[in-house]
Amino acid sequence: MLASRGNSRASKRNQTGFSLLEVLIAVLVLSVGLLGMAALQINAMKNNQSSYQRTQAVMLSYFMLDAMRTNRGDVADGNYDMAKTCAVPVAGGSLVSGDQHFWMQALKDNLGNDNATCGEIDCTGMTCTVRIYWRDDRGTGGAAEQMFETASGL
């Protein structure tokens, strides 16, 4: 019995605690995992902003089409037609110029106030196409220049 006690004491002494090398490897594995999670979070935030801008473009195209639906006479006369415009037009005294002014201002406010944020309206009869252009440098896997198009019969 005494001989077996001595062996168990020696084996307990040799196996207590972690070595410094094991701790360093664990810290290295943990830090690589945390860096990977941080990179995923950054990409998710970039793509979230890109998705937000696309949603805003959809809502703003419907905003303009709804404004045009309420003013069908001017649509039929071709007054809403607007070539690709990147500057906010001056709000004149007519409903059409006011709609175009507020629409372009909303584009600049929501999609970025730079020269790449543009709007275009093209009507053929009572079928109109609204195009919105903007720059999306943040999204991953996508082009920097974005364009959203909505066509609708009024």
N, C-alpha and C. Protein backbone atom coordinates (compact mmCIF):
# COMPACT_ATOMS: atom_id res chain seq x y z
N MET A 1 0.79 -1.20 0.00
CA MET A 1 0.00 0.00 0.00
C MET A 1 0.83 1.27 0.00
N LEU A 2 1.88 1.30 0.68
CA LEU A 2 2.72 2.48 0.72
C LEU A 2 3.31 2.78 -0.65
N ALA A 3 3.64 1.78 -1.39
CA ALA A 3 4.24 2.00 -2.71
C ALA A 3 3.22 2.62 -3.67
N SER A 4 1.96 2.20 -3.55
CA SER A 4 0.96 2.77 -4.46
C SER A 4 0.64 4.22 -4.09
N ARG A 5 0.74 4.55 -2.79
CA ARG A 5 0.51 5.94 -2.39
C ARG A 5 1.59 6.86 -2.96
N GLY A 6 2.73 6.45 -2.98
CA GLY A 6 3.84 7.26 -3.50
C GLY A 6 3.68 7.53 -4.99
N ASN A 7 3.23 6.52 -5.74
CA ASN A 7 3.05 6.70 -7.18
C ASN A 7 1.91 7.67 -7.49
N SER A 8 0.83 7.60 -6.70
CA SER A 8 -0.30 8.49 -6.97
C SER A 8 0.07 9.93 -6.62
N ARG A 9 0.89 10.12 -5.57
CA ARG A 9 1.31 11.47 -5.22
C ARG A 9 2.20 12.06 -6.32
N ALA A 10 3.02 11.29 -6.88
CA ALA A 10 3.93 11.77 -7.93
C ALA A 10 3.14 12.11 -9.20
N SER A 11 2.14 11.28 -9.51
CA SER A 11 1.37 11.54 -10.73
C SER A 11 0.47 12.77 -10.54
N LYS A 12 -0.02 13.01 -9.32
CA LYS A 12 -0.82 14.20 -9.07
C LYS A 12 0.01 15.45 -9.19
N ARG A 13 1.23 15.40 -8.73
CA ARG A 13 2.10 16.56 -8.82
C ARG A 13 2.44 16.89 -10.26
N ASN A 14 2.56 15.93 -11.11
CA ASN A 14 2.94 16.16 -12.50
C ASN A 14 1.76 16.67 -13.35
N GLN A 15 0.55 16.52 -12.91
CA GLN A 15 -0.60 16.85 -13.75
C GLN A 15 -1.45 17.99 -13.20
N THR A 16 -0.91 18.81 -12.38
CA THR A 16 -1.70 19.92 -11.85
C THR A 16 -1.50 21.17 -12.70
N GLY A 17 -2.61 21.90 -13.01
CA GLY A 17 -2.54 23.18 -13.72
C GLY A 17 -2.30 23.04 -15.22
N PHE A 18 -2.31 24.21 -15.88
CA PHE A 18 -2.06 24.28 -17.32
C PHE A 18 -0.66 24.82 -17.54
N SER A 19 -0.09 24.41 -18.63
CA SER A 19 1.21 24.98 -18.97
C SER A 19 0.99 26.31 -19.68
N LEU A 20 2.00 27.12 -19.74
CA LEU A 20 1.91 28.42 -20.39
C LEU A 20 1.61 28.27 -21.88
N LEU A 21 2.12 27.24 -22.49
CA LEU A 21 1.88 27.00 -23.92
C LEU A 21 0.40 26.71 -24.18
N GLU A 22 -0.24 25.94 -23.34
CA GLU A 22 -1.67 25.66 -23.51
C GLU A 22 -2.50 26.93 -23.38
N VAL A 23 -2.16 27.79 -22.45
CA VAL A 23 -2.88 29.05 -22.26
C VAL A 23 -2.71 29.95 -23.49
N LEU A 24 -1.50 30.05 -24.01
CA LEU A 24 -1.25 30.88 -25.18
C LEU A 24 -2.02 30.38 -26.40
N ILE A 25 -2.09 29.09 -26.58
CA ILE A 25 -2.84 28.52 -27.71
C ILE A 25 -4.33 28.80 -27.55
N ALA A 26 -4.84 28.67 -26.36
CA ALA A 26 -6.26 28.96 -26.11
C ALA A 26 -6.57 30.43 -26.38
N VAL A 27 -5.69 31.33 -25.96
CA VAL A 27 -5.89 32.76 -26.21
C VAL A 27 -5.82 33.05 -27.70
N LEU A 28 -4.92 32.41 -28.42
CA LEU A 28 -4.80 32.59 -29.86
C LEU A 28 -6.07 32.13 -30.58
N VAL A 29 -6.58 30.97 -30.23
CA VAL A 29 -7.81 30.46 -30.85
C VAL A 29 -8.98 31.38 -30.55
N LEU A 30 -9.09 31.85 -29.33
CA LEU A 30 -10.16 32.76 -28.95
C LEU A 30 -10.07 34.09 -29.70
N SER A 31 -8.86 34.64 -29.84
CA SER A 31 -8.71 35.93 -30.53
C SER A 31 -9.01 35.80 -32.02
N VAL A 32 -8.63 34.70 -32.66
CA VAL A 32 -8.96 34.49 -34.07
C VAL A 32 -10.47 34.39 -34.24
N GLY A 33 -11.14 33.70 -33.34
CA GLY A 33 -12.59 33.59 -33.41
C GLY A 33 -13.27 34.94 -33.22
N LEU A 34 -12.79 35.76 -32.29
CA LEU A 34 -13.37 37.08 -32.07
C LEU A 34 -13.13 38.01 -33.25
N LEU A 35 -11.96 37.93 -33.88
CA LEU A 35 -11.71 38.74 -35.07
C LEU A 35 -12.63 38.33 -36.22
N GLY A 36 -12.87 37.05 -36.36
CA GLY A 36 -13.80 36.57 -37.39
C GLY A 36 -15.20 37.07 -37.15
N MET A 37 -15.64 37.06 -35.91
CA MET A 37 -16.97 37.56 -35.58
C MET A 37 -17.07 39.07 -35.83
N ALA A 38 -16.00 39.81 -35.55
CA ALA A 38 -16.00 41.25 -35.80
C ALA A 38 -16.10 41.54 -37.30
N ALA A 39 -15.39 40.77 -38.12
CA ALA A 39 -15.46 40.95 -39.57
C ALA A 39 -16.87 40.64 -40.09
N LEU A 40 -17.50 39.62 -39.57
CA LEU A 40 -18.87 39.31 -39.97
C LEU A 40 -19.83 40.43 -39.58
N GLN A 41 -19.64 41.00 -38.41
CA GLN A 41 -20.49 42.09 -37.96
C GLN A 41 -20.32 43.32 -38.85
N ILE A 42 -19.11 43.63 -39.25
CA ILE A 42 -18.86 44.79 -40.13
C ILE A 42 -19.53 44.58 -41.48
N ASN A 43 -19.39 43.38 -42.06
CA ASN A 43 -20.05 43.10 -43.35
C ASN A 43 -21.56 43.16 -43.22
N ALA A 44 -22.10 42.69 -42.13
CA ALA A 44 -23.55 42.74 -41.93
C ALA A 44 -24.03 44.18 -41.85
N MET A 45 -23.28 45.05 -41.20
CA MET A 45 -23.67 46.45 -41.09
C MET A 45 -23.59 47.15 -42.45
N LYS A 46 -22.57 46.84 -43.24
CA LYS A 46 -22.46 47.41 -44.58
C LYS A 46 -23.64 46.99 -45.45
N ASN A 47 -23.94 45.72 -45.45
CA ASN A 47 -25.05 45.23 -46.27
C ASN A 47 -26.39 45.73 -45.76
N ASN A 48 -26.51 45.96 -44.46
CA ASN A 48 -27.73 46.51 -43.91
C ASN A 48 -27.96 47.93 -44.43
N GLN A 49 -26.91 48.74 -44.49
CA GLN A 49 -27.02 50.10 -45.03
C GLN A 49 -27.40 50.05 -46.51
N SER A 50 -26.82 49.14 -47.26
CA SER A 50 -27.15 48.99 -48.67
C SER A 50 -28.61 48.60 -48.85
N SER A 51 -29.08 47.70 -48.03
CA SER A 51 -30.48 47.28 -48.08
C SER A 51 -31.41 48.44 -47.72
N TYR A 52 -31.01 49.23 -46.75
CA TYR A 52 -31.81 50.40 -46.37
C TYR A 52 -31.95 51.37 -47.54
N GLN A 53 -30.85 51.62 -48.25
CA GLN A 53 -30.90 52.54 -49.38
C GLN A 53 -31.80 51.99 -50.50
N ARG A 54 -31.73 50.71 -50.75
CA ARG A 54 -32.59 50.12 -51.78
C ARG A 54 -34.07 50.23 -51.37
N THR A 55 -34.36 50.02 -50.12
CA THR A 55 -35.73 50.17 -49.63
C THR A 55 -36.20 51.61 -49.79
N GLN A 56 -35.34 52.56 -49.49
CA GLN A 56 -35.70 53.97 -49.66
C GLN A 56 -35.97 54.28 -51.14
N ALA A 57 -35.18 53.72 -52.04
CA ALA A 57 -35.40 53.94 -53.47
C ALA A 57 -36.76 53.40 -53.90
N VAL A 58 -37.12 52.23 -53.40
CA VAL A 58 -38.43 51.64 -53.73
C VAL A 58 -39.55 52.56 -53.23
N MET A 59 -39.46 52.99 -51.98
CA MET A 59 -40.51 53.84 -51.41
C MET A 59 -40.60 55.18 -52.14
N LEU A 60 -39.47 55.76 -52.52
CA LEU A 60 -39.49 57.05 -53.19
C LEU A 60 -39.99 56.94 -54.62
N SER A 61 -39.78 55.81 -55.27
CA SER A 61 -40.35 55.64 -56.62
C SER A 61 -41.86 55.54 -56.52
N TYR A 62 -42.36 54.82 -55.53
CA TYR A 62 -43.81 54.74 -55.34
C TYR A 62 -44.40 56.08 -54.91
N PHE A 63 -43.64 56.85 -54.15
CA PHE A 63 -44.08 58.18 -53.75
C PHE A 63 -44.35 59.04 -54.98
N MET A 64 -43.41 59.01 -55.95
CA MET A 64 -43.60 59.83 -57.14
C MET A 64 -44.74 59.30 -58.00
N LEU A 65 -44.85 58.00 -58.14
CA LEU A 65 -45.94 57.44 -58.93
C LEU A 65 -47.30 57.77 -58.30
N ASP A 66 -47.38 57.74 -56.99
CA ASP A 66 -48.64 58.10 -56.32
C ASP A 66 -48.98 59.58 -56.52
N ALA A 67 -47.95 60.43 -56.49
CA ALA A 67 -48.18 61.85 -56.74
C ALA A 67 -48.69 62.05 -58.17
N MET A 68 -48.17 61.27 -59.09
CA MET A 68 -48.59 61.39 -60.49
C MET A 68 -50.02 60.85 -60.69
N ARG A 69 -50.38 59.85 -59.92
CA ARG A 69 -51.75 59.31 -60.02
C ARG A 69 -52.80 60.34 -59.62
N THR A 70 -52.44 61.21 -58.71
CA THR A 70 -53.40 62.22 -58.26
C THR A 70 -53.50 63.39 -59.22
N ASN A 71 -52.60 63.44 -60.20
CA ASN A 71 -52.58 64.56 -61.14
C ASN A 71 -52.49 64.01 -62.57
N ARG A 72 -53.45 63.21 -62.95
CA ARG A 72 -53.43 62.51 -64.24
C ARG A 72 -53.47 63.46 -65.44
N GLY A 73 -54.08 64.60 -65.29
CA GLY A 73 -54.14 65.55 -66.40
C GLY A 73 -52.76 66.00 -66.84
N ASP A 74 -51.91 66.33 -65.87
CA ASP A 74 -50.54 66.74 -66.21
C ASP A 74 -49.70 65.57 -66.72
N VAL A 75 -50.00 64.36 -66.24
CA VAL A 75 -49.30 63.18 -66.77
C VAL A 75 -49.65 63.00 -68.24
N ALA A 76 -50.92 63.11 -68.57
CA ALA A 76 -51.36 62.95 -69.96
C ALA A 76 -50.76 64.03 -70.85
N ASP A 77 -50.56 65.22 -70.32
CA ASP A 77 -49.96 66.32 -71.10
C ASP A 77 -48.44 66.20 -71.19
N GLY A 78 -47.84 65.25 -70.44
CA GLY A 78 -46.38 65.06 -70.49
C GLY A 78 -45.61 66.01 -69.59
N ASN A 79 -46.29 66.66 -68.67
CA ASN A 79 -45.61 67.63 -67.81
C ASN A 79 -44.70 66.99 -66.75
N TYR A 80 -44.93 65.74 -66.42
CA TYR A 80 -44.10 65.08 -65.41
C TYR A 80 -42.82 64.50 -66.01
N ASP A 81 -42.72 64.42 -67.32
CA ASP A 81 -41.51 63.87 -67.94
C ASP A 81 -40.30 64.69 -67.48
N MET A 82 -39.26 63.97 -67.07
CA MET A 82 -38.06 64.63 -66.57
C MET A 82 -36.86 63.78 -66.98
N ALA A 83 -35.97 64.37 -67.76
CA ALA A 83 -34.74 63.67 -68.13
C ALA A 83 -33.93 63.42 -66.87
N LYS A 84 -32.92 62.57 -66.98
CA LYS A 84 -32.09 62.25 -65.81
C LYS A 84 -31.53 63.55 -65.22
N THR A 85 -31.96 63.82 -63.99
CA THR A 85 -31.61 65.07 -63.31
C THR A 85 -30.94 64.75 -61.98
N CYS A 86 -29.82 65.40 -61.73
CA CYS A 86 -29.10 65.15 -60.48
C CYS A 86 -29.14 66.36 -59.54
N ALA A 87 -29.72 67.45 -59.99
CA ALA A 87 -29.86 68.63 -59.15
C ALA A 87 -31.33 68.77 -58.74
N VAL A 88 -31.54 69.30 -57.58
CA VAL A 88 -32.91 69.51 -57.09
C VAL A 88 -33.50 70.70 -57.84
N PRO A 89 -34.59 70.46 -58.59
CA PRO A 89 -35.19 71.59 -59.32
C PRO A 89 -35.88 72.57 -58.35
N VAL A 90 -35.99 73.79 -58.80
CA VAL A 90 -36.64 74.82 -58.00
C VAL A 90 -38.13 74.54 -57.97
N ALA A 91 -38.72 74.67 -56.77
CA ALA A 91 -40.16 74.47 -56.65
C ALA A 91 -40.87 75.70 -57.21
N GLY A 92 -41.55 75.51 -58.33
CA GLY A 92 -42.28 76.62 -58.94
C GLY A 92 -43.68 76.71 -58.35
N GLY A 93 -44.54 77.37 -59.08
CA GLY A 93 -45.88 77.57 -58.59
C GLY A 93 -46.84 76.46 -58.96
N SER A 94 -46.39 75.48 -59.76
CA SER A 94 -47.31 74.41 -60.18
C SER A 94 -47.15 73.18 -59.29
N LEU A 95 -48.16 72.34 -59.34
CA LEU A 95 -48.13 71.09 -58.57
C LEU A 95 -47.03 70.18 -59.08
N VAL A 96 -46.82 70.15 -60.40
CA VAL A 96 -45.80 69.28 -61.00
C VAL A 96 -44.40 69.68 -60.52
N SER A 97 -44.09 70.97 -60.58
CA SER A 97 -42.76 71.41 -60.15
C SER A 97 -42.57 71.19 -58.65
N GLY A 98 -43.62 71.33 -57.87
CA GLY A 98 -43.52 71.05 -56.43
C GLY A 98 -43.29 69.58 -56.16
N ASP A 99 -44.00 68.71 -56.88
CA ASP A 99 -43.79 67.26 -56.72
C ASP A 99 -42.37 66.87 -57.08
N GLN A 100 -41.87 67.39 -58.20
CA GLN A 100 -40.52 67.04 -58.64
C GLN A 100 -39.47 67.59 -57.68
N HIS A 101 -39.70 68.79 -57.17
CA HIS A 101 -38.76 69.37 -56.20
C HIS A 101 -38.69 68.52 -54.93
N PHE A 102 -39.84 68.20 -54.34
CA PHE A 102 -39.85 67.44 -53.09
C PHE A 102 -39.34 66.02 -53.29
N TRP A 103 -39.61 65.45 -54.46
CA TRP A 103 -39.12 64.10 -54.76
C TRP A 103 -37.60 64.08 -54.87
N MET A 104 -37.03 65.01 -55.62
CA MET A 104 -35.57 65.06 -55.76
C MET A 104 -34.90 65.40 -54.44
N GLN A 105 -35.53 66.27 -53.65
CA GLN A 105 -34.96 66.59 -52.34
C GLN A 105 -34.97 65.36 -51.44
N ALA A 106 -36.04 64.57 -51.51
CA ALA A 106 -36.11 63.34 -50.71
C ALA A 106 -35.06 62.33 -51.18
N LEU A 107 -34.81 62.27 -52.49
CA LEU A 107 -33.74 61.39 -52.99
C LEU A 107 -32.40 61.80 -52.40
N LYS A 108 -32.11 63.07 -52.43
CA LYS A 108 -30.83 63.57 -51.91
C LYS A 108 -30.73 63.33 -50.40
N ASP A 109 -31.83 63.52 -49.69
CA ASP A 109 -31.80 63.34 -48.24
C ASP A 109 -31.62 61.87 -47.83
N ASN A 110 -32.20 60.96 -48.59
CA ASN A 110 -32.21 59.55 -48.18
C ASN A 110 -31.16 58.70 -48.85
N LEU A 111 -30.69 59.08 -50.02
CA LEU A 111 -29.74 58.23 -50.76
C LEU A 111 -28.35 58.84 -50.88
N GLY A 112 -28.17 60.01 -50.38
CA GLY A 112 -26.86 60.65 -50.43
C GLY A 112 -26.90 61.91 -51.26
N ASN A 113 -26.40 62.97 -50.71
CA ASN A 113 -26.44 64.26 -51.40
C ASN A 113 -25.16 64.42 -52.20
N ASP A 114 -25.05 63.68 -53.29
CA ASP A 114 -23.91 63.83 -54.19
C ASP A 114 -24.40 63.83 -55.64
N ASN A 115 -23.47 63.95 -56.57
CA ASN A 115 -23.82 64.06 -57.98
C ASN A 115 -24.32 62.75 -58.56
N ALA A 116 -24.16 61.64 -57.88
CA ALA A 116 -24.61 60.35 -58.40
C ALA A 116 -26.07 60.06 -58.05
N THR A 117 -26.66 60.84 -57.16
CA THR A 117 -28.06 60.65 -56.79
C THR A 117 -28.91 61.45 -57.78
N CYS A 118 -29.62 60.71 -58.63
CA CYS A 118 -30.37 61.33 -59.72
C CYS A 118 -31.74 60.68 -59.84
N GLY A 119 -32.64 61.37 -60.51
CA GLY A 119 -33.97 60.85 -60.78
C GLY A 119 -34.34 61.07 -62.23
N GLU A 120 -35.23 60.22 -62.73
CA GLU A 120 -35.67 60.31 -64.12
C GLU A 120 -37.11 59.81 -64.19
N ILE A 121 -37.93 60.51 -64.98
CA ILE A 121 -39.33 60.11 -65.19
C ILE A 121 -39.59 60.11 -66.68
N ASP A 122 -40.11 59.01 -67.17
CA ASP A 122 -40.41 58.89 -68.60
C ASP A 122 -41.81 58.31 -68.74
N CYS A 123 -42.71 59.09 -69.33
CA CYS A 123 -44.09 58.64 -69.51
C CYS A 123 -44.40 58.50 -71.01
N THR A 124 -45.03 57.40 -71.33
CA THR A 124 -45.57 57.17 -72.67
C THR A 124 -47.06 56.97 -72.49
N GLY A 125 -47.83 57.97 -72.84
CA GLY A 125 -49.25 57.91 -72.56
C GLY A 125 -49.46 57.95 -71.06
N MET A 126 -50.19 56.97 -70.56
CA MET A 126 -50.44 56.89 -69.12
C MET A 126 -49.60 55.80 -68.45
N THR A 127 -48.57 55.31 -69.13
CA THR A 127 -47.64 54.36 -68.54
C THR A 127 -46.33 55.10 -68.27
N CYS A 128 -45.93 55.15 -67.02
CA CYS A 128 -44.75 55.91 -66.63
C CYS A 128 -43.70 55.02 -66.00
N THR A 129 -42.46 55.37 -66.24
CA THR A 129 -41.31 54.68 -65.67
C THR A 129 -40.53 55.68 -64.84
N VAL A 130 -40.27 55.32 -63.60
CA VAL A 130 -39.49 56.15 -62.69
C VAL A 130 -38.16 55.42 -62.44
N ARG A 131 -37.07 56.12 -62.66
CA ARG A 131 -35.73 55.56 -62.42
C ARG A 131 -35.02 56.40 -61.36
N ILE A 132 -34.38 55.70 -60.47
CA ILE A 132 -33.62 56.36 -59.40
C ILE A 132 -32.20 55.82 -59.45
N TYR A 133 -31.23 56.73 -59.46
CA TYR A 133 -29.81 56.38 -59.50
C TYR A 133 -29.14 56.87 -58.23
N TRP A 134 -28.22 56.06 -57.71
CA TRP A 134 -27.44 56.48 -56.54
C TRP A 134 -26.17 55.65 -56.46
N ARG A 135 -25.26 56.09 -55.62
CA ARG A 135 -23.98 55.40 -55.43
C ARG A 135 -24.05 54.60 -54.13
N ASP A 136 -23.64 53.33 -54.23
CA ASP A 136 -23.63 52.45 -53.06
C ASP A 136 -22.26 51.81 -52.96
N ASP A 137 -21.32 52.52 -52.33
CA ASP A 137 -19.96 52.01 -52.19
C ASP A 137 -19.82 51.07 -51.00
N ARG A 138 -20.79 51.01 -50.14
CA ARG A 138 -20.66 50.23 -48.90
C ARG A 138 -21.02 48.77 -49.07
N GLY A 139 -21.97 48.47 -49.92
CA GLY A 139 -22.45 47.09 -50.05
C GLY A 139 -21.37 46.16 -50.58
N THR A 140 -21.34 44.96 -50.08
CA THR A 140 -20.36 43.98 -50.56
C THR A 140 -20.96 43.18 -51.70
N GLY A 141 -20.16 42.91 -52.68
CA GLY A 141 -20.60 42.07 -53.79
C GLY A 141 -21.49 42.78 -54.78
N GLY A 142 -21.66 44.08 -54.66
CA GLY A 142 -22.52 44.81 -55.57
C GLY A 142 -21.75 45.91 -56.28
N ALA A 143 -22.36 46.47 -57.28
CA ALA A 143 -21.75 47.56 -58.02
C ALA A 143 -21.92 48.87 -57.24
N ALA A 144 -20.99 49.79 -57.45
CA ALA A 144 -21.07 51.07 -56.76
C ALA A 144 -22.24 51.89 -57.28
N GLU A 145 -22.48 51.86 -58.59
CA GLU A 145 -23.58 52.61 -59.18
C GLU A 145 -24.83 51.74 -59.18
N GLN A 146 -25.88 52.24 -58.56
CA GLN A 146 -27.14 51.51 -58.47
C GLN A 146 -28.22 52.23 -59.24
N MET A 147 -29.19 51.46 -59.76
CA MET A 147 -30.34 52.04 -60.45
C MET A 147 -31.54 51.19 -60.13
N PHE A 148 -32.62 51.86 -59.75
CA PHE A 148 -33.87 51.17 -59.49
C PHE A 148 -34.93 51.75 -60.42
N GLU A 149 -35.69 50.87 -61.03
CA GLU A 149 -36.70 51.29 -62.02
C GLU A 149 -38.05 50.71 -61.67
N THR A 150 -39.06 51.56 -61.71
CA THR A 150 -40.43 51.13 -61.48
C THR A 150 -41.29 51.64 -62.63
N ALA A 151 -42.04 50.75 -63.25
CA ALA A 151 -42.96 51.13 -64.33
C ALA A 151 -44.38 50.81 -63.88
N SER A 152 -45.30 51.73 -64.18
CA SER A 152 -46.67 51.54 -63.73
C SER A 152 -47.61 52.26 -64.69
N GLY A 153 -48.76 51.64 -64.86
CA GLY A 153 -49.81 52.30 -65.61
C GLY A 153 -50.64 53.15 -64.66
N LEU A 154 -50.84 54.39 -65.02
CA LEU A 154 -51.58 55.31 -64.16
C LEU A 154 -53.02 55.35 -64.61
